[in-house]
Amino acid sequence: MNLKPVATEKAVMMIESQNIMTFLIDMRKSKTEIKKEIEEIFNVKVEKIRTLIRDNKKTAYVQLKKEFPAIDLATKLGMM
């Protein structure tokens, strides 16, 4: 799966305040497939996923469970 983390100012604010990671993903993936993929790759638990389709791109807003700080994952990915 092509998971591309988004490192915009808004995405960083969401990491810090709401424990949400933002990814650009493949248009054909469902929420359950996205959840499974993220949990396997990053070894975290996902609480909720919201998706947005805009300009022929699909964005996933992935809220992690409280035990897994999104800032740690962002640091591991080199975003912070």
Protein backbone atom coordinates (compact mmCIF):
# COMPACT_ATOMS: atom_id res chain seq x y z
CA MET A 1 0.00 0.00 0.00
CA ASN A 2 1.19 3.50 -0.71
CA LEU A 3 1.02 5.34 2.60
CA LYS A 4 2.39 8.85 2.27
CA PRO A 5 2.35 10.82 5.52
CA VAL A 6 1.27 14.44 5.18
CA ALA A 7 3.51 16.97 6.94
CA THR A 8 1.59 20.21 6.51
CA GLU A 9 1.15 22.70 9.33
CA LYS A 10 -2.46 21.56 9.85
CA ALA A 11 -1.41 17.88 9.94
CA VAL A 12 1.28 18.61 12.57
CA MET A 13 -1.25 20.51 14.69
CA MET A 14 -3.61 17.50 14.50
CA ILE A 15 -0.77 15.19 15.61
CA GLU A 16 -0.08 17.32 18.66
CA SER A 17 -3.64 18.17 19.69
CA GLN A 18 -5.85 15.24 18.61
CA ASN A 19 -3.47 12.25 18.21
CA ILE A 20 -4.35 12.04 14.48
CA MET A 21 -1.97 11.07 11.66
CA THR A 22 -2.77 12.13 8.08
CA PHE A 23 -1.89 9.98 5.07
CA LEU A 24 -2.40 10.16 1.31
CA ILE A 25 -3.61 6.72 0.23
CA ASP A 26 -4.78 4.70 -2.74
CA MET A 27 -8.31 5.57 -3.91
CA ARG A 28 -9.41 1.92 -4.00
CA LYS A 29 -8.67 1.12 -0.33
CA SER A 30 -11.50 0.83 2.19
CA LYS A 31 -11.33 1.98 5.80
CA THR A 32 -10.91 -1.58 7.09
CA GLU A 33 -8.01 -2.21 4.70
CA ILE A 34 -6.37 1.07 5.74
CA LYS A 35 -6.78 0.22 9.44
CA LYS A 36 -5.31 -3.26 9.02
CA GLU A 37 -2.36 -1.94 7.00
CA ILE A 38 -1.50 0.84 9.46
CA GLU A 39 -1.76 -1.46 12.50
CA GLU A 40 0.53 -4.04 10.86
CA ILE A 41 3.15 -1.65 9.50
CA PHE A 42 3.49 0.72 12.47
CA ASN A 43 2.54 -1.68 15.31
CA VAL A 44 -0.13 0.67 16.73
CA LYS A 45 -3.87 0.45 17.39
CA VAL A 46 -6.29 2.62 15.42
CA GLU A 47 -9.32 4.10 17.15
CA LYS A 48 -11.04 5.78 14.19
CA ILE A 49 -10.48 6.58 10.52
CA ARG A 50 -12.03 9.41 8.50
CA THR A 51 -11.45 9.68 4.77
CA LEU A 52 -11.65 12.60 2.37
CA ILE A 53 -11.66 12.47 -1.42
CA ARG A 54 -10.64 15.73 -3.03
CA ASP A 55 -9.01 16.60 -6.36
CA ASN A 56 -8.86 12.91 -7.24
CA LYS A 57 -6.76 12.15 -4.12
CA LYS A 58 -7.85 10.24 -1.03
CA THR A 59 -6.71 11.40 2.38
CA ALA A 60 -7.09 9.32 5.54
CA TYR A 61 -7.20 10.91 8.97
CA VAL A 62 -6.20 8.13 11.37
CA GLN A 63 -6.84 8.64 15.07
CA LEU A 64 -4.66 6.40 17.20
CA LYS A 65 -5.64 5.01 20.59
CA LYS A 66 -4.42 6.97 23.61
CA GLU A 67 -1.72 4.37 24.44
CA PHE A 68 0.00 5.12 21.11
CA PRO A 69 0.99 8.81 20.82
CA ALA A 70 0.91 10.01 17.21
CA ILE A 71 3.90 12.27 17.93
CA ASP A 72 6.05 9.14 18.52
CA LEU A 73 4.99 7.72 15.15
CA ALA A 74 5.64 11.07 13.45
CA THR A 75 9.10 11.19 14.98
CA LYS A 76 9.80 7.64 13.78
CA LEU A 77 8.73 8.67 10.25
CA GLY A 78 10.99 11.76 10.37
CA MET A 79 8.15 14.30 10.30
CA MET A 80 9.02 15.96 13.59
